[in-house]
Every structure is written in structure tokens, then in C-alpha cells.
Amino acid sequence: MIKGISHSMIEVNETENDYYERAILIIRPEYASAQRAVLEDEARRLIRDMDAPSAMRSGRRRLRNILVASSLVGLGALLGGLLTSMAG
């Protein structure tokens, strides 16, 4: 809850972003007199272009690394088996 705030705010309900449902942006006092439509358009663009939170990005990266490592281990085992069968 925000108490005692007298700043102008923009609430973006339709974020067009997979990660964020709603955003509330507080406008700096020196820009409070700017055209509301321009500020709202910029707020929507900003939220739409935001990426996944960093913790989620690192989780996806970790999963990818595990899958690559598993694939390489499997490939190494397959090649080792082939070389052993050719030698014997």
C-alpha cells in the first residue's frame, strides 16, 4: 500500500508480457504535465519489452547446460561402445 503519495501514476493492466500481469509506474513530477497518452504508450512499450526475471533466465540456462552435458555423456558412451566393439 502506498500512503501519502501525491505523484501521478500510470497503471498498465494489459501488459502484453508473458511474465507481468499488471504494472504501476510513478511519473516523475517534472513529467507530470506531459501528454497522458504519450506516457501511457511509453509505459505499455516498456512493460511489453521487459524480459523474464533474471532468476528465471538463469534457471533456463541451467536446464540447457544440464541437457547439453547429458547429451555429451551419452554420445561419449556410444562412441566408446562403438570403438570397443570394433577393437574386439
Protein backbone atom coordinates (compact mmCIF):
# COMPACT_ATOMS: atom_id res chain seq x y z
CA MET A 1 0.00 0.00 0.00
CA ILE A 2 1.27 3.45 -0.89
CA LYS A 3 0.39 6.09 1.71
CA GLY A 4 0.69 9.81 1.27
CA ILE A 5 1.75 9.72 -2.37
CA SER A 6 0.70 12.72 -4.41
CA HIS A 7 2.51 11.72 -7.60
CA SER A 8 0.83 10.92 -10.88
CA MET A 9 0.74 7.23 -11.68
CA ILE A 10 0.02 5.06 -14.69
CA GLU A 11 -1.45 1.61 -14.23
CA VAL A 12 -0.89 -0.83 -17.10
CA ASN A 13 -3.45 -3.65 -16.96
CA GLU A 14 -2.88 -5.13 -20.42
CA THR A 15 0.89 -5.63 -20.40
CA GLU A 16 1.17 -7.96 -23.44
CA ASN A 17 4.00 -9.57 -21.45
CA ASP A 18 4.13 -13.26 -20.53
CA TYR A 19 5.60 -12.58 -17.09
CA TYR A 20 3.80 -9.49 -15.82
CA GLU A 21 0.06 -9.21 -15.39
CA ARG A 22 -0.11 -5.60 -14.23
CA ALA A 23 2.29 -2.72 -13.61
CA ILE A 24 2.05 0.57 -11.75
CA LEU A 25 4.50 3.28 -12.76
CA ILE A 26 5.00 6.52 -10.83
CA ILE A 27 5.64 9.52 -13.05
CA ARG A 28 8.44 11.90 -12.11
CA PRO A 29 7.00 15.27 -11.05
CA GLU A 30 8.80 17.14 -13.85
CA TYR A 31 6.96 15.00 -16.44
CA ALA A 32 3.53 15.04 -14.82
CA SER A 33 2.36 17.69 -17.27
CA ALA A 34 3.29 15.60 -20.33
CA GLN A 35 0.51 14.28 -22.52
CA ARG A 36 -1.11 11.36 -20.75
CA ALA A 37 -1.48 9.32 -23.95
CA VAL A 38 2.26 9.59 -24.68
CA LEU A 39 3.16 8.48 -21.16
CA GLU A 40 0.71 5.55 -21.31
CA ASP A 41 2.03 4.39 -24.70
CA GLU A 42 5.61 4.52 -23.43
CA ALA A 43 4.63 2.64 -20.25
CA ARG A 44 2.97 -0.13 -22.30
CA ARG A 45 6.03 -0.39 -24.58
CA LEU A 46 8.38 -0.55 -21.61
CA ILE A 47 6.43 -3.36 -19.91
CA ARG A 48 5.88 -5.30 -23.16
CA ASP A 49 9.63 -5.26 -23.92
CA MET A 50 10.69 -6.44 -20.45
CA ASP A 51 12.33 -9.87 -20.36
CA ALA A 52 11.89 -12.67 -17.85
CA PRO A 53 13.17 -12.05 -14.33
CA SER A 54 16.88 -12.87 -14.05
CA ALA A 55 16.28 -15.87 -11.78
CA MET A 56 14.05 -17.45 -14.44
CA ARG A 57 16.60 -16.78 -17.17
CA SER A 58 19.38 -18.43 -15.16
CA GLY A 59 17.10 -21.41 -14.47
CA ARG A 60 16.53 -21.92 -18.19
CA ARG A 61 20.26 -21.60 -18.82
CA ARG A 62 20.98 -24.18 -16.11
CA LEU A 63 18.49 -26.62 -17.65
CA ARG A 64 20.03 -26.15 -21.09
CA ASN A 65 23.52 -26.80 -19.68
CA ILE A 66 22.32 -30.00 -17.99
CA LEU A 67 20.74 -31.22 -21.22
CA VAL A 68 23.89 -30.46 -23.23
CA ALA A 69 26.11 -32.20 -20.67
CA SER A 70 23.81 -35.25 -20.62
CA SER A 71 23.87 -35.42 -24.41
CA LEU A 72 27.65 -35.24 -24.49
CA VAL A 73 27.97 -38.00 -21.88
CA GLY A 74 25.56 -40.18 -23.88
CA LEU A 75 27.48 -39.50 -27.09
CA GLY A 76 30.76 -40.36 -25.37
CA ALA A 77 29.32 -43.65 -24.10
CA LEU A 78 28.03 -44.50 -27.58
CA LEU A 79 31.39 -43.75 -29.21
CA GLY A 80 33.21 -45.72 -26.51
CA GLY A 81 30.93 -48.70 -27.12
CA LEU A 82 31.47 -48.50 -30.86
CA LEU A 83 35.25 -48.31 -30.51
CA THR A 84 35.26 -51.24 -28.07
CA SER A 85 33.14 -53.39 -30.38
CA MET A 86 35.37 -52.57 -33.38
CA ALA A 87 38.52 -53.48 -31.45
CA GLY A 88 37.21 -56.83 -30.27
